[in-house]
Amino acid sequence: MPGEFGEWPCAGLLSEIEAGNVRALLVVGGNPATAFPDAMRTRAALASLETLAVIDVLPTETTELATHLLPAVGSLERADLPW
């Protein structure tokens, strides 16, 4: 798949995981376990990763599959926002 601005489309991610080309994935504030159309295939691919590191504020379907789970602060906990 052609890349754009040094990045590749996520449409090819599951195939790349299944082919063994992607062995680790860092997810920051997203939920690919429910964002991709084929949930069963997505969950199987994510579970097969050697490392699935997830940074999120709340538990999600993806955090359940994570090998490494890192906390994130919510928007009201951040000192750099003018609330």
PDB file of N, CA and C in Angstrom:
ATOM      1  N   MET A   1       0.841  -1.174   0.000  1.00  0.00           N
ATOM      2  CA  MET A   1       0.000   0.000   0.000  1.00  0.00           C
ATOM      3  C   MET A   1       0.891   1.244   0.000  1.00  0.00           C
ATOM      4  N   PRO A   2       0.493   2.246  -0.718  1.00  0.00           N
ATOM      5  CA  PRO A   2       1.301   3.466  -0.731  1.00  0.00           C
ATOM      6  C   PRO A   2       1.152   4.251   0.574  1.00  0.00           C
ATOM      7  N   GLY A   3       2.247   4.796   1.021  1.00  0.00           N
ATOM      8  CA  GLY A   3       2.229   5.618   2.226  1.00  0.00           C
ATOM      9  C   GLY A   3       2.051   7.081   1.884  1.00  0.00           C
ATOM     10  N   GLU A   4       1.737   7.852   2.867  1.00  0.00           N
ATOM     11  CA  GLU A   4       1.564   9.288   2.701  1.00  0.00           C
ATOM     12  C   GLU A   4       2.197   9.979   3.897  1.00  0.00           C
ATOM     13  N   PHE A   5       3.095  10.925   3.658  1.00  0.00           N
ATOM     14  CA  PHE A   5       3.771  11.676   4.716  1.00  0.00           C
ATOM     15  C   PHE A   5       4.512  10.766   5.694  1.00  0.00           C
ATOM     16  N   GLY A   6       5.086   9.682   5.175  1.00  0.00           N
ATOM     17  CA  GLY A   6       5.846   8.766   6.014  1.00  0.00           C
ATOM     18  C   GLY A   6       4.993   7.817   6.841  1.00  0.00           C
ATOM     19  N   GLU A   7       3.705   7.763   6.581  1.00  0.00           N
ATOM     20  CA  GLU A   7       2.799   6.876   7.316  1.00  0.00           C
ATOM     21  C   GLU A   7       2.051   5.983   6.333  1.00  0.00           C
ATOM     22  N   TRP A   8       1.537   4.860   6.838  1.00  0.00           N
ATOM     23  CA  TRP A   8       0.801   3.925   6.007  1.00  0.00           C
ATOM     24  C   TRP A   8      -0.628   3.815   6.502  1.00  0.00           C
ATOM     25  N   PRO A   9      -1.564   3.499   5.599  1.00  0.00           N
ATOM     26  CA  PRO A   9      -2.968   3.390   6.007  1.00  0.00           C
ATOM     27  C   PRO A   9      -3.204   2.193   6.917  1.00  0.00           C
ATOM     28  N   CYS A  10      -4.112   2.347   7.854  1.00  0.00           N
ATOM     29  CA  CYS A  10      -4.382   1.257   8.795  1.00  0.00           C
ATOM     30  C   CYS A  10      -5.140   0.110   8.133  1.00  0.00           C
ATOM     31  N   ALA A  11      -5.634   0.298   6.914  1.00  0.00           N
ATOM     32  CA  ALA A  11      -6.348  -0.772   6.212  1.00  0.00           C
ATOM     33  C   ALA A  11      -5.466  -2.006   6.015  1.00  0.00           C
ATOM     34  N   GLY A  12      -4.167  -1.831   5.957  1.00  0.00           N
ATOM     35  CA  GLY A  12      -3.271  -2.959   5.765  1.00  0.00           C
ATOM     36  C   GLY A  12      -2.685  -3.514   7.049  1.00  0.00           C
ATOM     37  N   LEU A  13      -3.052  -2.955   8.186  1.00  0.00           N
ATOM     38  CA  LEU A  13      -2.432  -3.358   9.448  1.00  0.00           C
ATOM     39  C   LEU A  13      -2.678  -4.820   9.796  1.00  0.00           C
ATOM     40  N   LEU A  14      -3.893  -5.288   9.683  1.00  0.00           N
ATOM     41  CA  LEU A  14      -4.187  -6.673  10.065  1.00  0.00           C
ATOM     42  C   LEU A  14      -3.429  -7.667   9.196  1.00  0.00           C
ATOM     43  N   SER A  15      -3.367  -7.407   7.896  1.00  0.00           N
ATOM     44  CA  SER A  15      -2.615  -8.294   7.002  1.00  0.00           C
ATOM     45  C   SER A  15      -1.137  -8.309   7.363  1.00  0.00           C
ATOM     46  N   GLU A  16      -0.596  -7.149   7.711  1.00  0.00           N
ATOM     47  CA  GLU A  16       0.815  -7.067   8.089  1.00  0.00           C
ATOM     48  C   GLU A  16       1.086  -7.783   9.407  1.00  0.00           C
ATOM     49  N   ILE A  17       0.162  -7.703  10.361  1.00  0.00           N
ATOM     50  CA  ILE A  17       0.314  -8.442  11.620  1.00  0.00           C
ATOM     51  C   ILE A  17       0.269  -9.934  11.342  1.00  0.00           C
ATOM     52  N   GLU A  18      -0.711 -10.366  10.558  1.00  0.00           N
ATOM     53  CA  GLU A  18      -0.872 -11.794  10.248  1.00  0.00           C
ATOM     54  C   GLU A  18       0.320 -12.346   9.471  1.00  0.00           C
ATOM     55  N   ALA A  19       0.952 -11.512   8.644  1.00  0.00           N
ATOM     56  CA  ALA A  19       2.121 -11.937   7.867  1.00  0.00           C
ATOM     57  C   ALA A  19       3.395 -11.948   8.706  1.00  0.00           C
ATOM     58  N   GLY A  20       3.326 -11.401   9.928  1.00  0.00           N
ATOM     59  CA  GLY A  20       4.484 -11.373  10.800  1.00  0.00           C
ATOM     60  C   GLY A  20       5.383 -10.163  10.590  1.00  0.00           C
ATOM     61  N   ASN A  21       4.934  -9.204   9.787  1.00  0.00           N
ATOM     62  CA  ASN A  21       5.727  -8.005   9.531  1.00  0.00           C
ATOM     63  C   ASN A  21       5.596  -6.967  10.640  1.00  0.00           C
ATOM     64  N   VAL A  22       4.509  -7.022  11.383  1.00  0.00           N
ATOM     65  CA  VAL A  22       4.308  -6.147  12.545  1.00  0.00           C
ATOM     66  C   VAL A  22       4.234  -7.053  13.766  1.00  0.00           C
ATOM     67  N   ARG A  23       5.165  -6.873  14.696  1.00  0.00           N
ATOM     68  CA  ARG A  23       5.194  -7.713  15.891  1.00  0.00           C
ATOM     69  C   ARG A  23       4.888  -6.936  17.157  1.00  0.00           C
ATOM     70  N   ALA A  24       4.939  -5.604  17.062  1.00  0.00           N
ATOM     71  CA  ALA A  24       4.654  -4.749  18.215  1.00  0.00           C
ATOM     72  C   ALA A  24       3.837  -3.554  17.738  1.00  0.00           C
ATOM     73  N   LEU A  25       2.937  -3.102  18.600  1.00  0.00           N
ATOM     74  CA  LEU A  25       2.076  -1.979  18.244  1.00  0.00           C
ATOM     75  C   LEU A  25       1.870  -1.110  19.475  1.00  0.00           C
ATOM     76  N   LEU A  26       1.973   0.195  19.289  1.00  0.00           N
ATOM     77  CA  LEU A  26       1.701   1.159  20.342  1.00  0.00           C
ATOM     78  C   LEU A  26       0.412   1.887  19.988  1.00  0.00           C
ATOM     79  N   VAL A  27      -0.583   1.787  20.855  1.00  0.00           N
ATOM     80  CA  VAL A  27      -1.878   2.431  20.651  1.00  0.00           C
ATOM     81  C   VAL A  27      -2.006   3.546  21.674  1.00  0.00           C
ATOM     82  N   VAL A  28      -2.219   4.767  21.194  1.00  0.00           N
ATOM     83  CA  VAL A  28      -2.338   5.922  22.074  1.00  0.00           C
ATOM     84  C   VAL A  28      -3.755   6.497  21.940  1.00  0.00           C
ATOM     85  N   GLY A  29      -4.577   6.226  22.928  1.00  0.00           N
ATOM     86  CA  GLY A  29      -5.917   6.795  22.967  1.00  0.00           C
ATOM     87  C   GLY A  29      -6.844   6.331  21.867  1.00  0.00           C
ATOM     88  N   GLY A  30      -6.640   5.155  21.349  1.00  0.00           N
ATOM     89  CA  GLY A  30      -7.516   4.610  20.314  1.00  0.00           C
ATOM     90  C   GLY A  30      -8.035   3.245  20.735  1.00  0.00           C
ATOM     91  N   ASN A  31      -8.934   2.712  19.943  1.00  0.00           N
ATOM     92  CA  ASN A  31      -9.510   1.412  20.256  1.00  0.00           C
ATOM     93  C   ASN A  31      -9.637   0.591  18.975  1.00  0.00           C
ATOM     94  N   PRO A  32      -8.507   0.132  18.411  1.00  0.00           N
ATOM     95  CA  PRO A  32      -8.588  -0.614  17.155  1.00  0.00           C
ATOM     96  C   PRO A  32      -9.384  -1.911  17.254  1.00  0.00           C
ATOM     97  N   ALA A  33      -9.542  -2.467  18.443  1.00  0.00           N
ATOM     98  CA  ALA A  33     -10.317  -3.703  18.580  1.00  0.00           C
ATOM     99  C   ALA A  33     -11.766  -3.504  18.159  1.00  0.00           C
ATOM    100  N   THR A  34     -12.277  -2.294  18.259  1.00  0.00           N
ATOM    101  CA  THR A  34     -13.656  -2.024  17.825  1.00  0.00           C
ATOM    102  C   THR A  34     -13.732  -1.090  16.624  1.00  0.00           C
ATOM    103  N   ALA A  35     -12.627  -0.471  16.255  1.00  0.00           N
ATOM    104  CA  ALA A  35     -12.647   0.488  15.151  1.00  0.00           C
ATOM    105  C   ALA A  35     -12.563  -0.182  13.782  1.00  0.00           C
ATOM    106  N   PHE A  36     -12.007  -1.381  13.713  1.00  0.00           N
ATOM    107  CA  PHE A  36     -11.870  -2.078  12.435  1.00  0.00           C
ATOM    108  C   PHE A  36     -13.135  -2.874  12.154  1.00  0.00           C
ATOM    109  N   PRO A  37     -13.474  -3.099  10.880  1.00  0.00           N
ATOM    110  CA  PRO A  37     -14.754  -3.733  10.547  1.00  0.00           C
ATOM    111  C   PRO A  37     -14.893  -5.198  10.956  1.00  0.00           C
ATOM    112  N   ASP A  38     -13.852  -5.996  10.910  1.00  0.00           N
ATOM    113  CA  ASP A  38     -13.937  -7.415  11.248  1.00  0.00           C
ATOM    114  C   ASP A  38     -13.399  -7.607  12.668  1.00  0.00           C
ATOM    115  N   ALA A  39     -14.289  -7.534  13.644  1.00  0.00           N
ATOM    116  CA  ALA A  39     -13.878  -7.537  15.054  1.00  0.00           C
ATOM    117  C   ALA A  39     -13.161  -8.826  15.444  1.00  0.00           C
ATOM    118  N   MET A  40     -13.622  -9.968  14.982  1.00  0.00           N
ATOM    119  CA  MET A  40     -12.988 -11.237  15.363  1.00  0.00           C
ATOM    120  C   MET A  40     -11.575 -11.335  14.796  1.00  0.00           C
ATOM    121  N   ARG A  41     -11.405 -10.945  13.545  1.00  0.00           N
ATOM    122  CA  ARG A  41     -10.068 -10.973  12.925  1.00  0.00           C
ATOM    123  C   ARG A  41      -9.151  -9.968  13.616  1.00  0.00           C
ATOM    124  N   THR A  42      -9.690  -8.796  13.932  1.00  0.00           N
ATOM    125  CA  THR A  42      -8.893  -7.761  14.588  1.00  0.00           C
ATOM    126  C   THR A  42      -8.423  -8.224  15.951  1.00  0.00           C
ATOM    127  N   ARG A  43      -9.329  -8.783  16.750  1.00  0.00           N
ATOM    128  CA  ARG A  43      -8.954  -9.273  18.078  1.00  0.00           C
ATOM    129  C   ARG A  43      -7.899 -10.376  17.992  1.00  0.00           C
ATOM    130  N   ALA A  44      -8.051 -11.282  17.030  1.00  0.00           N
ATOM    131  CA  ALA A  44      -7.077 -12.365  16.866  1.00  0.00           C
ATOM    132  C   ALA A  44      -5.715 -11.813  16.469  1.00  0.00           C
ATOM    133  N   ALA A  45      -5.696 -10.842  15.576  1.00  0.00           N
ATOM    134  CA  ALA A  45      -4.425 -10.248  15.148  1.00  0.00           C
ATOM    135  C   ALA A  45      -3.762  -9.498  16.298  1.00  0.00           C
ATOM    136  N   LEU A  46      -4.525  -8.708  17.034  1.00  0.00           N
ATOM    137  CA  LEU A  46      -3.958  -7.961  18.156  1.00  0.00           C
ATOM    138  C   LEU A  46      -3.453  -8.910  19.244  1.00  0.00           C
ATOM    139  N   ALA A  47      -4.175  -9.988  19.486  1.00  0.00           N
ATOM    140  CA  ALA A  47      -3.758 -10.960  20.506  1.00  0.00           C
ATOM    141  C   ALA A  47      -2.496 -11.711  20.101  1.00  0.00           C
ATOM    142  N   SER A  48      -2.220 -11.785  18.806  1.00  0.00           N
ATOM    143  CA  SER A  48      -1.034 -12.512  18.342  1.00  0.00           C
ATOM    144  C   SER A  48       0.244 -11.678  18.395  1.00  0.00           C
ATOM    145  N   LEU A  49       0.127 -10.388  18.645  1.00  0.00           N
ATOM    146  CA  LEU A  49       1.308  -9.527  18.707  1.00  0.00           C
ATOM    147  C   LEU A  49       2.199  -9.897  19.892  1.00  0.00           C
ATOM    148  N   GLU A  50       3.498  -9.773  19.715  1.00  0.00           N
ATOM    149  CA  GLU A  50       4.428  -9.991  20.822  1.00  0.00           C
ATOM    150  C   GLU A  50       4.247  -8.904  21.876  1.00  0.00           C
ATOM    151  N   THR A  51       4.047  -7.672  21.410  1.00  0.00           N
ATOM    152  CA  THR A  51       3.852  -6.540  22.309  1.00  0.00           C
ATOM    153  C   THR A  51       2.710  -5.677  21.803  1.00  0.00           C
ATOM    154  N   LEU A  52       1.729  -5.478  22.641  1.00  0.00           N
ATOM    155  CA  LEU A  52       0.652  -4.534  22.369  1.00  0.00           C
ATOM    156  C   LEU A  52       0.615  -3.581  23.550  1.00  0.00           C
ATOM    157  N   ALA A  53       1.222  -2.426  23.377  1.00  0.00           N
ATOM    158  CA  ALA A  53       1.274  -1.411  24.433  1.00  0.00           C
ATOM    159  C   ALA A  53       0.162  -0.397  24.186  1.00  0.00           C
ATOM    160  N   VAL A  54      -0.637  -0.147  25.199  1.00  0.00           N
ATOM    161  CA  VAL A  54      -1.781   0.747  25.065  1.00  0.00           C
ATOM    162  C   VAL A  54      -1.702   1.835  26.128  1.00  0.00           C
ATOM    163  N   ILE A  55      -1.857   3.085  25.690  1.00  0.00           N
ATOM    164  CA  ILE A  55      -1.923   4.227  26.598  1.00  0.00           C
ATOM    165  C   ILE A  55      -3.340   4.781  26.485  1.00  0.00           C
ATOM    166  N   ASP A  56      -4.075   4.759  27.582  1.00  0.00           N
ATOM    167  CA  ASP A  56      -5.456   5.247  27.536  1.00  0.00           C
ATOM    168  C   ASP A  56      -5.906   5.685  28.916  1.00  0.00           C
ATOM    169  N   VAL A  57      -6.981   6.464  28.939  1.00  0.00           N
ATOM    170  CA  VAL A  57      -7.542   6.979  30.187  1.00  0.00           C
ATOM    171  C   VAL A  57      -8.491   5.961  30.817  1.00  0.00           C
ATOM    172  N   LEU A  58      -9.270   5.286  29.988  1.00  0.00           N
ATOM    173  CA  LEU A  58     -10.279   4.341  30.467  1.00  0.00           C
ATOM    174  C   LEU A  58     -10.057   2.950  29.884  1.00  0.00           C
ATOM    175  N   PRO A  59     -10.564   1.920  30.526  1.00  0.00           N
ATOM    176  CA  PRO A  59     -10.476   0.572  29.964  1.00  0.00           C
ATOM    177  C   PRO A  59     -11.300   0.462  28.676  1.00  0.00           C
ATOM    178  N   THR A  60     -10.751  -0.261  27.698  1.00  0.00           N
ATOM    179  CA  THR A  60     -11.439  -0.500  26.433  1.00  0.00           C
ATOM    180  C   THR A  60     -11.236  -1.959  26.042  1.00  0.00           C
ATOM    181  N   GLU A  61     -11.811  -2.340  24.930  1.00  0.00           N
ATOM    182  CA  GLU A  61     -11.601  -3.691  24.425  1.00  0.00           C
ATOM    183  C   GLU A  61     -10.130  -3.920  24.072  1.00  0.00           C
ATOM    184  N   THR A  62      -9.460  -2.869  23.619  1.00  0.00           N
ATOM    185  CA  THR A  62      -8.043  -2.990  23.275  1.00  0.00           C
ATOM    186  C   THR A  62      -7.179  -3.099  24.522  1.00  0.00           C
ATOM    187  N   THR A  63      -7.520  -2.389  25.586  1.00  0.00           N
ATOM    188  CA  THR A  63      -6.728  -2.504  26.816  1.00  0.00           C
ATOM    189  C   THR A  63      -6.819  -3.908  27.402  1.00  0.00           C
ATOM    190  N   GLU A  64      -7.926  -4.602  27.163  1.00  0.00           N
ATOM    191  CA  GLU A  64      -8.071  -5.983  27.637  1.00  0.00           C
ATOM    192  C   GLU A  64      -7.071  -6.915  26.957  1.00  0.00           C
ATOM    193  N   LEU A  65      -6.672  -6.594  25.713  1.00  0.00           N
ATOM    194  CA  LEU A  65      -5.744  -7.432  24.960  1.00  0.00           C
ATOM    195  C   LEU A  65      -4.287  -7.026  25.155  1.00  0.00           C
ATOM    196  N   ALA A  66      -4.052  -5.900  25.806  1.00  0.00           N
ATOM    197  CA  ALA A  66      -2.710  -5.322  25.905  1.00  0.00           C
ATOM    198  C   ALA A  66      -1.757  -6.199  26.705  1.00  0.00           C
ATOM    199  N   THR A  67      -0.521  -6.248  26.241  1.00  0.00           N
ATOM    200  CA  THR A  67       0.537  -6.885  27.020  1.00  0.00           C
ATOM    201  C   THR A  67       1.153  -5.868  27.973  1.00  0.00           C
ATOM    202  N   HIS A  68       1.079  -4.591  27.610  1.00  0.00           N
ATOM    203  CA  HIS A  68       1.580  -3.495  28.440  1.00  0.00           C
ATOM    204  C   HIS A  68       0.520  -2.401  28.446  1.00  0.00           C
ATOM    205  N   LEU A  69       0.111  -1.986  29.621  1.00  0.00           N
ATOM    206  CA  LEU A  69      -0.928  -0.969  29.763  1.00  0.00           C
ATOM    207  C   LEU A  69      -0.352   0.208  30.537  1.00  0.00           C
ATOM    208  N   LEU A  70      -0.392   1.378  29.917  1.00  0.00           N
ATOM    209  CA  LEU A  70       0.163   2.584  30.524  1.00  0.00           C
ATOM    210  C   LEU A  70      -0.946   3.600  30.739  1.00  0.00           C
ATOM    211  N   PRO A  71      -0.981   4.236  31.907  1.00  0.00           N
ATOM    212  CA  PRO A  71      -2.050   5.195  32.188  1.00  0.00           C
ATOM    213  C   PRO A  71      -1.803   6.528  31.478  1.00  0.00           C
ATOM    214  N   ALA A  72      -2.875   7.235  31.269  1.00  0.00           N
ATOM    215  CA  ALA A  72      -2.801   8.594  30.713  1.00  0.00           C
ATOM    216  C   ALA A  72      -3.660   9.492  31.589  1.00  0.00           C
ATOM    217  N   VAL A  73      -3.324  10.761  31.618  1.00  0.00           N
ATOM    218  CA  VAL A  73      -4.124  11.696  32.400  1.00  0.00           C
ATOM    219  C   VAL A  73      -5.296  12.191  31.562  1.00  0.00           C
ATOM    220  N   GLY A  74      -6.400  12.450  32.242  1.00  0.00           N
ATOM    221  CA  GLY A  74      -7.552  13.031  31.581  1.00  0.00           C
ATOM    222  C   GLY A  74      -7.342  14.509  31.336  1.00  0.00           C
ATOM    223  N   SER A  75      -8.195  15.113  30.548  1.00  0.00           N
ATOM    224  CA  SER A  75      -8.007  16.522  30.194  1.00  0.00           C
ATOM    225  C   SER A  75      -8.079  17.452  31.411  1.00  0.00           C
ATOM    226  N   LEU A  76      -8.847  17.093  32.425  1.00  0.00           N
ATOM    227  CA  LEU A  76      -8.944  17.942  33.611  1.00  0.00           C
ATOM    228  C   LEU A  76      -7.768  17.762  34.565  1.00  0.00           C
ATOM    229  N   GLU A  77      -6.946  16.762  34.327  1.00  0.00           N
ATOM    230  CA  GLU A  77      -5.770  16.514  35.157  1.00  0.00           C
ATOM    231  C   GLU A  77      -4.501  17.175  34.610  1.00  0.00           C
ATOM    232  N   ARG A  78      -4.621  17.759  33.438  1.00  0.00           N
ATOM    233  CA  ARG A  78      -3.447  18.344  32.788  1.00  0.00           C
ATOM    234  C   ARG A  78      -3.244  19.793  33.214  1.00  0.00           C
ATOM    235  N   ALA A  79      -2.007  20.130  33.551  1.00  0.00           N
ATOM    236  CA  ALA A  79      -1.681  21.484  33.988  1.00  0.00           C
ATOM    237  C   ALA A  79      -1.542  22.457  32.828  1.00  0.00           C
ATOM    238  N   ASP A  80      -1.373  21.946  31.609  1.00  0.00           N
ATOM    239  CA  ASP A  80      -1.121  22.831  30.482  1.00  0.00           C
ATOM    240  C   ASP A  80      -2.403  23.277  29.760  1.00  0.00           C
ATOM    241  N   LEU A  81      -3.569  22.867  30.248  1.00  0.00           N
ATOM    242  CA  LEU A  81      -4.825  23.291  29.626  1.00  0.00           C
ATOM    243  C   LEU A  81      -5.469  24.388  30.480  1.00  0.00           C
ATOM    244  N   PRO A  82      -6.061  25.377  29.849  1.00  0.00           N
ATOM    245  CA  PRO A  82      -6.604  26.533  30.581  1.00  0.00           C
ATOM    246  C   PRO A  82      -8.017  26.323  31.134  1.00  0.00           C
ATOM    247  N   TRP A  83      -8.225  25.330  31.959  1.00  0.00           N
ATOM    248  CA  TRP A  83      -9.572  25.093  32.525  1.00  0.00           C
ATOM    249  C   TRP A  83      -9.735  25.833  33.799  1.00  0.00           C
TER     250      TRP A  83
END
